[in-house]
Structures are given as C-alpha cells and as structure tokens.
Protein backbone atom coordinates (compact mmCIF):
# COMPACT_ATOMS: atom_id res chain seq x y z
CA MET A 1 -91.87 -68.33 32.86
CA ARG A 2 -88.83 -70.54 33.10
CA LYS A 3 -85.65 -69.11 31.55
CA ALA A 4 -83.89 -71.30 28.99
CA ARG A 5 -80.51 -72.62 30.07
CA GLY A 6 -77.69 -70.34 28.91
CA CYS A 7 -80.05 -67.53 27.92
CA PRO A 8 -79.07 -64.19 29.54
CA SER A 9 -81.57 -62.36 31.68
CA PHE A 10 -83.19 -59.14 30.50
CA ARG A 11 -81.10 -57.25 33.05
CA THR A 12 -77.91 -58.79 31.66
CA VAL A 13 -78.88 -57.91 28.09
CA ARG A 14 -79.69 -54.38 29.14
CA LEU A 15 -76.24 -54.01 30.73
CA VAL A 16 -74.29 -55.64 27.89
CA TRP A 17 -76.11 -54.04 24.96
CA PRO A 18 -74.35 -50.64 25.20
CA ILE A 19 -71.00 -52.45 25.20
CA LEU A 20 -71.96 -54.46 22.11
CA LEU A 21 -73.05 -51.28 20.35
CA ALA A 22 -69.74 -49.63 21.18
CA LEU A 23 -67.82 -52.61 19.79
CA LEU A 24 -69.88 -52.58 16.61
CA ALA A 25 -69.31 -48.87 16.14
CA ALA A 26 -65.60 -49.26 16.72
CA GLY A 27 -65.14 -52.32 14.56
CA CYS A 28 -63.07 -53.61 17.46
CA PRO A 29 -61.90 -57.17 16.80
CA TYR A 30 -62.57 -59.74 19.49
CA PRO A 31 -59.36 -60.05 21.52
CA ASN A 32 -57.25 -63.09 20.71
CA HIS A 33 -54.35 -62.12 22.88
CA ARG A 34 -51.34 -63.41 24.62
CA GLN A 35 -49.49 -61.87 21.74
CA ASP A 36 -51.93 -63.58 19.32
CA LEU A 37 -49.09 -65.77 18.08
CA ARG A 38 -47.00 -67.48 20.74
CA LEU A 39 -43.77 -66.54 19.04
CA ARG A 40 -40.70 -65.19 20.80
CA ALA A 41 -37.93 -65.85 18.29
CA LEU A 42 -37.31 -67.52 14.96
CA PRO A 43 -35.04 -70.59 14.69
CA GLU A 44 -31.34 -70.01 14.01
CA ASP A 45 -31.07 -72.79 11.43
CA PRO A 46 -31.82 -71.30 7.96
CA ALA A 47 -34.01 -74.21 6.81
CA ALA A 48 -35.98 -74.20 10.07
CA ARG A 49 -36.31 -70.41 9.86
CA ASP A 50 -37.73 -70.65 6.32
CA LEU A 51 -40.21 -73.29 7.43
CA ALA A 52 -41.25 -71.17 10.43
CA ILE A 53 -41.98 -68.21 8.16
CA GLU A 54 -43.95 -70.40 5.76
CA GLN A 55 -45.98 -71.91 8.61
CA THR A 56 -46.99 -68.46 9.81
CA MET A 57 -47.57 -66.66 6.51
CA GLY A 58 -48.76 -69.60 4.41
CA VAL A 59 -46.28 -68.87 1.61
CA PRO A 60 -42.51 -69.37 1.53
CA MET A 61 -39.73 -66.87 1.14
CA GLU A 62 -38.79 -67.19 -2.53
CA PRO A 63 -35.20 -66.70 -3.69
CA GLY A 64 -34.08 -64.86 -6.80
CA ASN A 65 -35.69 -61.44 -6.41
CA GLY A 66 -34.39 -58.00 -7.23
CA VAL A 67 -35.49 -55.30 -4.76
CA GLU A 68 -35.03 -51.55 -5.06
CA LEU A 69 -35.93 -48.83 -2.57
CA VAL A 70 -38.06 -46.05 -4.09
CA GLN A 71 -38.34 -42.91 -1.98
CA ASN A 72 -40.84 -40.05 -1.97
CA GLY A 73 -41.63 -38.35 -5.31
CA GLN A 74 -39.28 -40.71 -7.14
CA VAL A 75 -42.25 -43.10 -7.18
CA PHE A 76 -43.87 -41.23 -10.08
CA ASP A 77 -40.68 -41.46 -12.16
CA VAL A 78 -40.68 -45.22 -11.57
CA ILE A 79 -44.38 -45.66 -12.42
CA GLU A 80 -43.94 -43.66 -15.65
CA GLU A 81 -40.88 -45.75 -16.50
CA GLU A 82 -42.81 -48.99 -16.05
CA ILE A 83 -45.82 -47.79 -18.05
CA ARG A 84 -43.56 -46.86 -20.97
CA ALA A 85 -41.67 -50.18 -20.69
CA ALA A 86 -44.86 -52.29 -20.72
CA ARG A 87 -45.29 -54.72 -23.62
CA SER A 88 -48.37 -56.71 -22.57
CA SER A 89 -50.09 -55.18 -19.53
CA ILE A 90 -50.01 -52.48 -16.90
CA HIS A 91 -52.11 -52.98 -13.76
CA ILE A 92 -52.65 -50.25 -11.17
CA ALA A 93 -54.47 -50.59 -7.84
CA SER A 94 -54.57 -47.45 -5.73
CA TYR A 95 -56.37 -46.38 -2.59
CA ILE A 96 -55.82 -42.72 -3.56
CA TRP A 97 -56.01 -41.39 -7.12
CA ARG A 98 -57.00 -37.75 -7.28
CA PRO A 99 -56.72 -35.10 -10.02
CA GLY A 100 -53.47 -33.14 -10.10
CA ILE A 101 -49.93 -33.14 -11.41
CA PRO A 102 -49.06 -36.79 -10.58
CA SER A 103 -52.32 -37.97 -12.15
CA ASP A 104 -51.67 -35.90 -15.28
CA ARG A 105 -48.18 -37.37 -15.64
CA LEU A 106 -49.48 -40.93 -15.48
CA LEU A 107 -52.39 -40.20 -17.80
CA ILE A 108 -49.97 -38.93 -20.45
CA ALA A 109 -47.76 -42.02 -20.05
CA LEU A 110 -50.77 -44.34 -20.29
CA ARG A 111 -52.03 -42.58 -23.39
CA GLU A 112 -48.58 -42.97 -24.97
CA ARG A 113 -48.00 -46.60 -23.93
CA ALA A 114 -47.01 -49.16 -26.52
CA PRO A 115 -49.76 -50.46 -28.86
CA GLY A 116 -51.60 -53.52 -27.56
CA VAL A 117 -50.67 -53.03 -23.90
CA GLN A 118 -53.73 -53.79 -21.79
CA CYS A 119 -54.40 -51.29 -19.00
CA ARG A 120 -56.47 -52.18 -15.94
CA VAL A 121 -57.05 -49.77 -13.05
CA ILE A 122 -58.78 -50.28 -9.68
CA VAL A 123 -59.33 -47.43 -7.25
CA ASP A 124 -60.98 -47.24 -3.86
CA PRO A 125 -63.81 -44.67 -3.70
CA LEU A 126 -63.03 -43.56 -0.13
CA GLY A 127 -59.50 -42.37 -0.86
CA SER A 128 -59.98 -41.35 -4.51
CA VAL A 129 -61.76 -38.03 -4.06
CA ASN A 130 -62.89 -36.45 -7.37
CA PHE A 131 -61.83 -39.54 -9.31
CA GLU A 132 -64.85 -38.96 -11.54
CA VAL A 133 -62.69 -36.31 -13.24
CA VAL A 134 -59.92 -38.83 -13.93
CA ALA A 135 -61.98 -41.89 -14.91
CA PRO A 136 -63.18 -40.69 -18.33
CA VAL A 137 -59.65 -39.67 -19.31
CA LEU A 138 -58.40 -43.13 -18.40
CA ALA A 139 -61.23 -44.70 -20.37
CA ASP A 140 -60.41 -42.50 -23.36
CA ALA A 141 -56.82 -43.78 -23.13
CA GLY A 142 -58.14 -47.34 -23.46
CA CYS A 143 -57.93 -48.35 -19.80
CA ASP A 144 -60.50 -50.61 -18.15
CA VAL A 145 -61.36 -48.75 -14.93
CA ARG A 146 -63.08 -50.31 -11.92
CA ILE A 147 -64.27 -48.93 -8.58
CA TYR A 148 -63.63 -51.26 -5.65
CA ARG A 149 -66.66 -51.96 -3.46
CA PRO A 150 -68.81 -48.97 -4.42
CA TYR A 151 -70.74 -47.66 -1.45
CA GLN A 152 -74.24 -47.92 -2.95
CA GLY A 153 -75.82 -46.34 0.10
CA ALA A 154 -73.34 -47.67 2.68
CA VAL A 155 -72.50 -44.15 3.86
CA THR A 156 -76.06 -42.90 4.08
CA SER A 157 -77.13 -46.11 5.82
CA LEU A 158 -74.10 -45.93 8.17
CA ASP A 159 -73.00 -49.43 7.19
CA ALA A 160 -69.74 -49.30 9.17
CA VAL A 161 -68.55 -52.72 8.00
CA ARG A 162 -68.89 -51.75 4.35
CA ILE A 163 -67.30 -48.36 4.92
CA ARG A 164 -64.24 -49.86 6.63
CA ALA A 165 -63.74 -52.75 4.20
CA ARG A 166 -61.59 -50.77 1.78
CA MET A 167 -58.76 -51.58 -0.61
CA HIS A 168 -55.81 -49.76 0.91
CA ARG A 169 -53.32 -51.44 -1.41
CA LYS A 170 -51.00 -49.46 -3.68
CA MET A 171 -49.62 -51.60 -6.51
CA VAL A 172 -48.33 -51.13 -10.04
CA ILE A 173 -47.55 -54.34 -11.95
CA ARG A 174 -45.92 -54.32 -15.38
CA ASP A 175 -46.19 -57.37 -17.68
CA GLY A 176 -46.48 -59.63 -14.61
CA GLU A 177 -42.69 -59.24 -14.25
CA VAL A 178 -42.01 -56.03 -12.33
CA ALA A 179 -44.09 -54.56 -9.49
CA LEU A 180 -44.14 -51.62 -7.12
CA THR A 181 -45.80 -51.27 -3.73
CA GLY A 182 -45.53 -49.06 -0.68
CA GLY A 183 -47.32 -46.14 0.89
CA PHE A 184 -47.70 -43.90 -2.16
CA GLY A 185 -50.89 -42.35 -3.46
CA ILE A 186 -51.47 -40.69 -6.80
CA TRP A 187 -51.80 -37.14 -5.54
CA ARG A 188 -49.75 -34.02 -4.89
CA SER A 189 -48.83 -34.97 -1.30
CA TRP A 190 -46.35 -37.52 -2.71
CA LEU A 191 -44.43 -35.01 -4.83
CA GLY A 192 -41.08 -33.80 -3.55
CA ASN A 193 -38.68 -35.30 -1.02
CA GLY A 194 -40.61 -35.40 2.24
CA ASP A 195 -38.66 -32.39 3.50
CA ALA A 196 -41.35 -29.69 3.51
CA ALA A 197 -44.72 -29.40 5.19
CA GLU A 198 -46.73 -30.02 2.01
CA THR A 199 -44.69 -33.00 0.76
CA TRP A 200 -45.07 -36.32 2.57
CA ARG A 201 -42.23 -38.63 3.52
CA ASP A 202 -42.87 -42.11 2.11
CA THR A 203 -41.13 -45.36 1.21
CA ASN A 204 -41.85 -47.85 -1.57
CA VAL A 205 -40.17 -50.87 -3.13
CA ARG A 206 -39.82 -52.04 -6.74
CA VAL A 207 -39.45 -55.80 -7.10
CA ARG A 208 -38.52 -58.19 -9.90
CA GLY A 209 -38.57 -61.96 -9.87
CA PRO A 210 -40.79 -64.74 -8.47
CA VAL A 211 -42.40 -62.59 -5.74
CA VAL A 212 -44.23 -60.57 -8.41
CA ARG A 213 -46.61 -63.47 -9.06
CA GLY A 214 -48.17 -63.03 -5.61
CA MET A 215 -48.78 -59.36 -6.32
CA GLN A 216 -50.41 -60.16 -9.64
CA LEU A 217 -52.65 -62.71 -7.94
CA ALA A 218 -53.69 -60.11 -5.35
CA PHE A 219 -54.53 -57.68 -8.12
CA ALA A 220 -56.51 -60.39 -9.92
CA GLN A 221 -58.61 -61.04 -6.83
CA ASN A 222 -59.39 -57.36 -6.32
CA TRP A 223 -60.10 -57.11 -10.05
CA GLN A 224 -62.64 -59.93 -9.94
CA GLU A 225 -64.44 -58.41 -6.96
CA SER A 226 -64.57 -55.13 -8.87
CA GLY A 227 -66.38 -56.84 -11.76
CA GLY A 228 -63.42 -57.75 -13.91
CA ALA A 229 -62.85 -61.03 -15.73
CA PHE A 230 -60.01 -63.52 -15.28
CA LEU A 231 -56.64 -62.10 -16.22
CA PRO A 232 -55.23 -63.76 -19.35
CA PRO A 233 -52.41 -66.34 -19.14
CA GLU A 234 -49.83 -63.82 -20.38
CA SER A 235 -50.37 -61.87 -17.14
CA PHE A 236 -48.64 -64.74 -15.32
CA PRO A 237 -45.36 -65.40 -17.16
CA GLU A 238 -42.65 -67.71 -15.93
CA LEU A 239 -40.43 -65.56 -13.71
CA ALA A 240 -36.70 -66.08 -13.92
CA PRO A 241 -34.39 -65.11 -11.05
CA ALA A 242 -33.77 -61.36 -11.06
CA GLY A 243 -31.58 -60.80 -7.99
CA ASN A 244 -30.23 -62.19 -4.75
CA ALA A 245 -33.03 -61.28 -2.33
CA ARG A 246 -35.45 -63.71 -0.76
CA ALA A 247 -38.94 -62.25 -0.55
CA LEU A 248 -42.62 -62.96 -0.03
CA PHE A 249 -45.66 -60.84 -0.72
CA VAL A 250 -48.18 -60.42 2.09
CA ALA A 251 -51.69 -59.85 0.77
CA SER A 252 -53.76 -59.12 3.84
CA THR A 253 -57.53 -58.68 3.92
CA GLY A 254 -60.05 -58.11 6.68
CA HIS A 255 -60.12 -60.69 9.47
CA ARG A 256 -61.93 -60.49 12.79
CA PHE A 257 -59.31 -62.35 14.81
CA LEU A 258 -55.87 -62.57 13.20
CA SER A 259 -55.24 -61.11 9.75
CA GLU A 260 -52.19 -61.72 7.57
CA ALA A 261 -51.16 -58.14 8.42
CA SER A 262 -51.11 -58.96 12.15
CA LYS A 263 -49.20 -62.17 11.51
CA MET A 264 -46.64 -60.31 9.42
CA TRP A 265 -45.94 -57.71 12.10
CA LEU A 266 -45.88 -60.21 14.97
CA LEU A 267 -43.59 -62.61 13.09
CA SER A 268 -41.20 -59.84 12.07
CA ILE A 269 -41.03 -58.45 15.61
CA ALA A 270 -40.35 -61.95 16.93
CA ALA A 271 -37.47 -62.27 14.45
CA ALA A 272 -35.48 -59.42 16.00
CA LYS A 273 -32.54 -60.33 18.22
CA HIS A 274 -30.58 -57.07 18.38
CA ARG A 275 -32.31 -54.42 16.23
CA LEU A 276 -35.94 -53.59 15.50
CA TRP A 277 -36.59 -50.29 13.71
CA ILE A 278 -40.16 -49.50 12.66
CA ALA A 279 -41.55 -46.51 10.76
CA ASN A 280 -45.33 -46.30 10.67
CA SER A 281 -47.68 -43.48 9.77
CA TYR A 282 -50.79 -44.47 11.74
CA PHE A 283 -49.35 -46.04 14.85
CA ILE A 284 -52.15 -47.35 17.07
CA PRO A 285 -50.79 -50.84 17.77
CA SER A 286 -52.89 -53.66 19.14
CA GLU A 287 -52.22 -54.76 22.70
CA ALA A 288 -50.56 -57.90 21.32
CA ILE A 289 -48.14 -55.89 19.16
CA SER A 290 -47.40 -53.44 21.98
CA ASP A 291 -46.66 -56.34 24.31
CA MET A 292 -44.31 -57.89 21.73
CA LEU A 293 -42.44 -54.57 21.34
CA ILE A 294 -42.13 -54.32 25.13
CA LEU A 295 -40.91 -57.91 25.37
CA LYS A 296 -38.19 -57.26 22.78
CA ALA A 297 -37.08 -54.05 24.48
CA ARG A 298 -36.79 -55.87 27.81
CA GLU A 299 -34.72 -58.57 26.10
CA GLY A 300 -32.20 -55.90 25.13
CA VAL A 301 -33.24 -55.42 21.50
CA ASP A 302 -32.74 -51.86 20.17
CA VAL A 303 -36.42 -51.09 19.52
CA ARG A 304 -37.13 -47.75 17.82
CA VAL A 305 -40.42 -46.50 16.42
CA LEU A 306 -40.64 -43.54 14.03
CA VAL A 307 -44.06 -41.90 13.76
CA PRO A 308 -45.51 -38.65 12.40
CA GLY A 309 -45.15 -35.54 14.50
CA ARG A 310 -46.79 -32.12 14.31
CA TYR A 311 -47.63 -32.45 10.60
CA HIS A 312 -49.85 -35.50 11.13
CA ASP A 313 -52.71 -35.32 8.61
CA VAL A 314 -55.37 -36.68 11.03
CA LYS A 315 -55.09 -34.92 14.38
CA PRO A 316 -57.42 -37.23 16.36
CA VAL A 317 -55.29 -40.16 15.20
CA PHE A 318 -52.19 -38.27 16.30
CA ASN A 319 -53.70 -38.05 19.79
CA ALA A 320 -54.60 -41.74 19.75
CA GLN A 321 -51.06 -42.53 18.59
CA ARG A 322 -49.64 -40.65 21.57
CA ALA A 323 -51.89 -42.61 23.92
CA SER A 324 -49.74 -45.68 23.13
CA TYR A 325 -46.46 -44.05 24.21
CA ALA A 326 -46.48 -44.40 28.00
CA ARG A 327 -46.24 -48.21 28.25
CA LEU A 328 -43.71 -48.42 25.42
CA LEU A 329 -41.44 -45.67 26.74
CA ALA A 330 -41.53 -47.09 30.27
CA ALA A 331 -40.30 -50.43 28.90
CA GLY A 332 -37.40 -48.91 26.96
CA VAL A 333 -38.90 -48.58 23.46
CA ARG A 334 -37.50 -45.44 21.81
CA ILE A 335 -40.06 -43.27 20.00
CA TYR A 336 -39.32 -40.49 17.51
CA GLU A 337 -41.73 -38.00 15.92
CA TYR A 338 -40.91 -36.82 12.38
CA GLU A 339 -40.83 -33.02 12.48
CA ILE A 340 -40.63 -31.62 8.94
CA SER A 341 -43.63 -33.16 7.10
CA MET A 342 -46.17 -35.96 7.33
CA MET A 343 -44.26 -39.24 7.73
CA HIS A 344 -46.29 -41.83 5.77
CA SER A 345 -43.87 -44.80 5.52
CA LYS A 346 -44.74 -48.32 6.67
CA THR A 347 -41.41 -50.11 7.09
CA LEU A 348 -39.50 -52.43 9.41
CA VAL A 349 -35.88 -53.52 9.72
CA ALA A 350 -35.14 -56.48 11.99
CA ASP A 351 -31.46 -57.22 12.66
CA ASP A 352 -29.32 -57.18 9.51
CA THR A 353 -31.42 -59.02 6.92
CA LEU A 354 -35.21 -58.82 7.38
CA SER A 355 -37.18 -55.85 6.04
CA ILE A 356 -40.78 -54.86 5.33
CA VAL A 357 -42.04 -52.19 2.94
CA GLY A 358 -45.70 -51.78 2.03
CA SER A 359 -49.07 -50.18 2.65
CA THR A 360 -49.79 -51.81 6.02
CA ASN A 361 -50.22 -49.51 8.99
CA LEU A 362 -50.13 -50.53 12.64
CA ASP A 363 -53.68 -49.40 13.34
CA PRO A 364 -57.01 -51.23 13.84
CA LEU A 365 -58.10 -50.50 10.29
CA ALA A 366 -55.11 -52.16 8.60
CA LEU A 367 -54.88 -54.96 11.14
CA SER A 368 -58.53 -55.99 10.96
CA HIS A 369 -60.48 -54.50 8.06
CA THR A 370 -58.68 -53.40 4.90
CA ASP A 371 -56.93 -55.06 1.96
CA GLU A 372 -53.20 -54.38 2.35
CA ALA A 373 -50.00 -55.09 0.40
CA SER A 374 -46.50 -55.49 1.82
CA VAL A 375 -43.27 -57.19 0.79
CA MET A 376 -41.11 -59.03 3.32
CA VAL A 377 -37.50 -59.15 2.18
CA GLU A 378 -34.49 -61.08 3.45
CA ASP A 379 -31.42 -59.40 2.02
CA PRO A 380 -28.56 -57.72 3.91
CA VAL A 381 -27.95 -55.10 1.21
CA PHE A 382 -31.58 -53.97 1.13
CA ALA A 383 -31.84 -54.03 4.95
CA ASP A 384 -28.74 -51.87 5.21
CA GLU A 385 -30.14 -49.35 2.72
CA LEU A 386 -33.47 -49.18 4.54
CA ALA A 387 -31.70 -48.80 7.90
CA LYS A 388 -29.57 -45.94 6.58
CA SER A 389 -32.73 -44.24 5.31
CA PHE A 390 -34.28 -44.68 8.76
CA GLU A 391 -31.23 -43.07 10.36
CA VAL A 392 -31.51 -40.07 8.05
CA ASP A 393 -35.18 -39.72 9.02
CA LEU A 394 -34.17 -39.68 12.70
CA THR A 395 -32.09 -36.55 12.03
CA HIS A 396 -35.37 -34.81 11.10
CA SER A 397 -37.16 -36.15 14.17
CA ALA A 398 -37.52 -35.37 17.85
CA GLU A 399 -37.12 -38.21 20.34
CA VAL A 400 -39.85 -38.55 22.95
CA HIS A 401 -38.15 -39.19 26.30
CA TRP A 402 -39.88 -41.04 29.12
CA HIS A 403 -39.06 -38.57 31.89
CA GLY A 404 -40.29 -35.62 29.86
CA TRP A 405 -43.36 -37.55 28.74
CA LYS A 406 -44.39 -38.21 32.35
CA ARG A 407 -44.51 -34.44 32.92
CA ARG A 408 -46.81 -33.64 30.00
CA GLY A 409 -49.74 -31.34 30.73
CA LEU A 410 -53.30 -32.17 31.66
CA LEU A 411 -54.77 -31.03 28.32
CA GLN A 412 -52.42 -33.33 26.42
CA ARG A 413 -53.31 -36.25 28.71
CA LEU A 414 -57.02 -35.60 28.13
CA GLY A 415 -56.50 -35.50 24.34
CA GLU A 416 -54.86 -38.91 24.50
CA GLN A 417 -58.00 -40.37 26.03
CA LEU A 418 -59.81 -40.26 22.69
CA PRO A 419 -61.02 -43.77 21.89
CA TRP A 420 -58.26 -45.84 20.32
CA PHE A 421 -60.73 -47.02 17.70
CA ILE A 422 -60.56 -43.63 15.98
CA GLY A 423 -57.99 -45.37 13.76
CA ASP A 424 -60.83 -47.36 12.21
CA PHE A 425 -62.01 -44.26 10.40
CA LEU A 426 -58.77 -43.27 8.63
C-alpha cells in the first residue's frame, strides 16, 4: 500500500513514540530558543525604554505607585492590618492555606472585619492541604470561598495537564486600592524571620496606586474560573497616585511556548548592565534563561544567584537545581546556597532601579504551566532596599565555587542527573 506523503512510517512512529510519551509526562514545553526573545539590552532613552517594556509585557510601567518590602513573618501582620482597614472588600488568593496559627490569626481578623465588607477567597487544592477544616470557618465568617480548578478525578486518572495547571498566585487585595503579593503561604512555615530551620526565608511587596488594578483584574479572572460572578464596580475604584515608583503587574498563566513569566525574566535579565542579583527558591532555569545569564556574565555584569541550600523542602528539586550549576559557574555566574532555612523568595534586582518581587519561580512549572503573580518595579529606593536585603541573605549563605564544584563526588554527580522536569511536580 502506498504511503501518504508526509506520513511517518511505522518504524518512525515506533521510535518517536517513547520520546513523545516522555515529553507528555514531563510537561516539557516545545523549545522556542535562541533566548526565546532576541533581547540583549534595553534602550537608554527613558521613553524608548518604557515602550520596549510595554511591547514585551503588553502593559506599560505605570507611575505613581507606593511600594513597600514585606519580609518573612511580617506578612501576617500586614494581611491582618489590611483586613481590619477594609471598608468595601477583601480578596485573598492563595496557593497554600492550611490550618494553624497564621490561619487562625486571619480567621479572627476576617470575623472581626468592618460591617458590609465583602470577603472573597480562592485557594488551590494542591497546596491547601486540610483546607476542608478552614473552609467552614471562613463561610461562617461570611466569606465566599472557592476552590480553583478542583481535581474531579484528575489525580486518579493521572491527568498531568490538569494537575500542573494550578493557581500558584499569592495575593491579598483590600478595597481595590492596596495589594500584597510575593512568595508567602498561609501556614506555619512563614512564621518567624527566616533564620531557623523551621521558618522559611521569604520576600513580599505591598503596593498602592494604579498597579493595584492589574492585580484586582487577575483576581477577578481566577474568581470567574472558580465559579464566581463579576466583581462589582466598587472593586475597581479610581486610583490616585500613591508614591514615586513606576510599576507593572505581571499576571502569568500557562503557555506552551512563551509565557508572561518567561518574558518577565528574560526582559529583566536583558535590562542589566552592571548588576543582576536573583533570589529564587526553585531554580531550574530554561536553557534560554541560562544562556541569557551566561551572556550577561560574559559581558561583565555582576550576576549572582541565591538559591536554597541544605534545608530545601523538595530534595529531588534540590538535585535538579544543582544540575544547572556547572555551565553557569564556568561562565562566571556566582551562585550562593542559603544555609540556615528554606529560602523561598522570588526576587530580582537589575542595576540600580529595576526590581521584581512575586510568586514566580524559575522552574518549568512556573514558566509554562501555573498562574503566577509578580510586580516589576522601577524605583531606586526600593531597588536599594531589596539589594541590601539580598546582601544580608548572602551572609547566611555559602558560595559555590567553580573549582570546588568540578571536584564534587560521583554520588553527587549522579544525583544531579535526575530529570530536570522534576520541577513540574512541585
């Protein structure tokens, strides 16, 4: 029988099929490389720079924002403060909400919120273990509670796409005017100061001003998909200037080729001319991002990456993280492992003005599958504060040196050969 033109032979299918199965299992995005975006630097001219950012991200940097760094367990003080200050609405989206002291604190604040304040809560079922204990208490406090993309058999049927397509965002939005995002979860790991084994090191940002509208819109979209109705007009008030920072909110969602998360990281790396400091908790960068980091290091940029060390909460991911070191170290990228607790921050400082704080990891899951939330900020004061925080973290870290890394043992080398796609299952 004559074979149709372009149709692969049975032998070809038989050879390719195992590869296709592996890609499906991994959730590996089809490569779209040569750094995905052909960016090397941003324009010097401020107007051209703004336009370049808008072309890449689809939204402009908006002036007039107030930005405040919120570290570690301070996040629960800030969330309580915003709940008690609310006059029309409090919206919470969280990948992790589990029973415990932080949950109890927020439940009390929500129960005691001002009369008439609408409360809407979205949680992801993968991260929110035992949330069925919390949900009825929230409902009793008058909160509308929604579960994002319930599994409905996805786990038992091994529907990998459904399992990976999670809401990893962490957002609290008060009255459509003030918002908080970062790496926090509502659980005991985020208590304390990130200086002991059981307390995680994390970074968040509270924002006021025009950028909050984008965060409210992202919440609204997740709310609709979770079965909620349109948010009322009062959830989107006119936002007056509240500070001197320029900012944009990056709402990334799953994308097979080039997500907003990937664009954000690639654009921000391209922006660096003399300093590029990154802290990231699940560091399994794509080849495109690794190549961009190497390019910057070879151009003389001070490229430093801070990652979790021995207290990493997912050991196979720790091994996969270490598999990325060799190429980066050989090119002059400096890598530090945080030594005193799990380092969970997702931040970037480029030069003296550009910063990122949010939920977005540098792993295949965040770059290709999950809903993420990050704020890009242009403000020298905020960048300086974030850089100083990074420097303090380095004092609790051990630098990984290239010459020592080359001499690592056979067992460690074998552990690093775990498939990089293990990051898909965080």
